[in-house]
Amino acid sequence: MNPQRAYVSGPSMDHMRGLMVVEPRVGEPMQLFLDNGKVIRTSVVRTVSRDSGELVVDTQNSRYRVALEPAA
């Protein structure tokens, strides 16, 4: 996966825009670089699935929905 723009929703956030460098993988933390300069690093990913074109990422502690922007 090439770095891709994404919108992420999860605990305490709603559709924050950032950059996903690596697709989430089970057994590893998910990491996103937000446009506001912050970095999100989650707990270990338990499952990754798709729902209505979004990635649904379940971690040890939370659930995130990630909408990837189409590649330019």
Protein backbone atom coordinates (compact mmCIF):
# COMPACT_ATOMS: atom_id res chain seq x y z
CA MET A 1 0.00 0.00 0.00
CA ASN A 2 1.29 3.44 -0.88
CA PRO A 3 0.64 6.22 1.64
CA GLN A 4 -3.01 7.18 1.31
CA ARG A 5 -5.20 10.01 2.59
CA ALA A 6 -7.85 8.81 5.02
CA TYR A 7 -10.57 9.98 7.37
CA VAL A 8 -10.67 8.19 10.71
CA SER A 9 -13.44 8.03 13.30
CA GLY A 10 -13.12 6.44 16.70
CA PRO A 11 -13.17 7.18 20.40
CA SER A 12 -13.04 10.95 20.99
CA MET A 13 -12.69 11.76 17.27
CA ASP A 14 -14.96 12.11 14.27
CA HIS A 15 -13.70 12.11 10.68
CA MET A 16 -10.22 13.44 11.32
CA ARG A 17 -8.17 13.67 8.13
CA GLY A 18 -4.70 12.24 7.91
CA LEU A 19 -2.28 9.95 6.14
CA MET A 20 -2.20 6.17 6.46
CA VAL A 21 1.23 4.88 5.49
CA VAL A 22 0.66 1.16 6.15
CA GLU A 23 -2.60 -0.77 5.99
CA PRO A 24 -3.65 -1.98 9.46
CA ARG A 25 -2.43 -5.51 10.25
CA VAL A 26 -3.64 -7.92 12.91
CA GLY A 27 -1.14 -8.16 15.75
CA GLU A 28 0.36 -4.68 15.21
CA PRO A 29 -0.72 -1.19 16.30
CA MET A 30 -2.43 0.99 13.67
CA GLN A 31 -0.73 4.32 13.01
CA LEU A 32 -2.04 7.44 11.26
CA PHE A 33 -0.45 10.84 10.81
CA LEU A 34 -3.16 13.51 11.20
CA ASP A 35 -3.17 16.75 9.23
CA ASN A 36 -3.10 18.70 12.53
CA GLY A 37 0.38 17.29 13.24
CA LYS A 38 -0.67 14.64 15.75
CA VAL A 39 0.03 10.92 15.38
CA ILE A 40 -2.49 8.26 16.31
CA ARG A 41 -0.97 4.97 17.43
CA THR A 42 -3.53 2.46 18.64
CA SER A 43 -3.29 -0.63 20.75
CA VAL A 44 -2.77 -3.94 18.93
CA VAL A 45 -5.19 -4.60 16.05
CA ARG A 46 -7.44 -7.64 16.62
CA THR A 47 -9.48 -7.63 13.38
CA VAL A 48 -9.72 -5.68 10.12
CA SER A 49 -12.86 -5.86 7.97
CA ARG A 50 -14.67 -3.79 5.35
CA ASP A 51 -18.09 -2.20 5.67
CA SER A 52 -19.59 0.08 3.01
CA GLY A 53 -16.17 0.90 1.57
CA GLU A 54 -14.59 1.67 4.93
CA LEU A 55 -12.06 -0.29 6.93
CA VAL A 56 -13.37 -1.31 10.35
CA VAL A 57 -10.42 -1.81 12.67
CA ASP A 58 -10.96 -3.42 16.07
CA THR A 59 -8.09 -3.02 18.52
CA GLN A 60 -7.66 -4.32 22.06
CA ASN A 61 -9.38 -1.20 23.36
CA SER A 62 -11.46 0.45 20.62
CA ARG A 63 -13.11 0.32 17.21
CA TYR A 64 -12.07 2.67 14.40
CA ARG A 65 -13.64 3.33 11.01
CA VAL A 66 -11.23 4.43 8.30
CA ALA A 67 -12.44 5.83 4.97
CA LEU A 68 -9.62 5.84 2.43
CA GLU A 69 -9.65 8.53 -0.24
CA PRO A 70 -9.42 7.24 -3.82
CA ALA A 71 -5.90 7.30 -5.19
CA ALA A 72 -5.24 10.31 -7.42
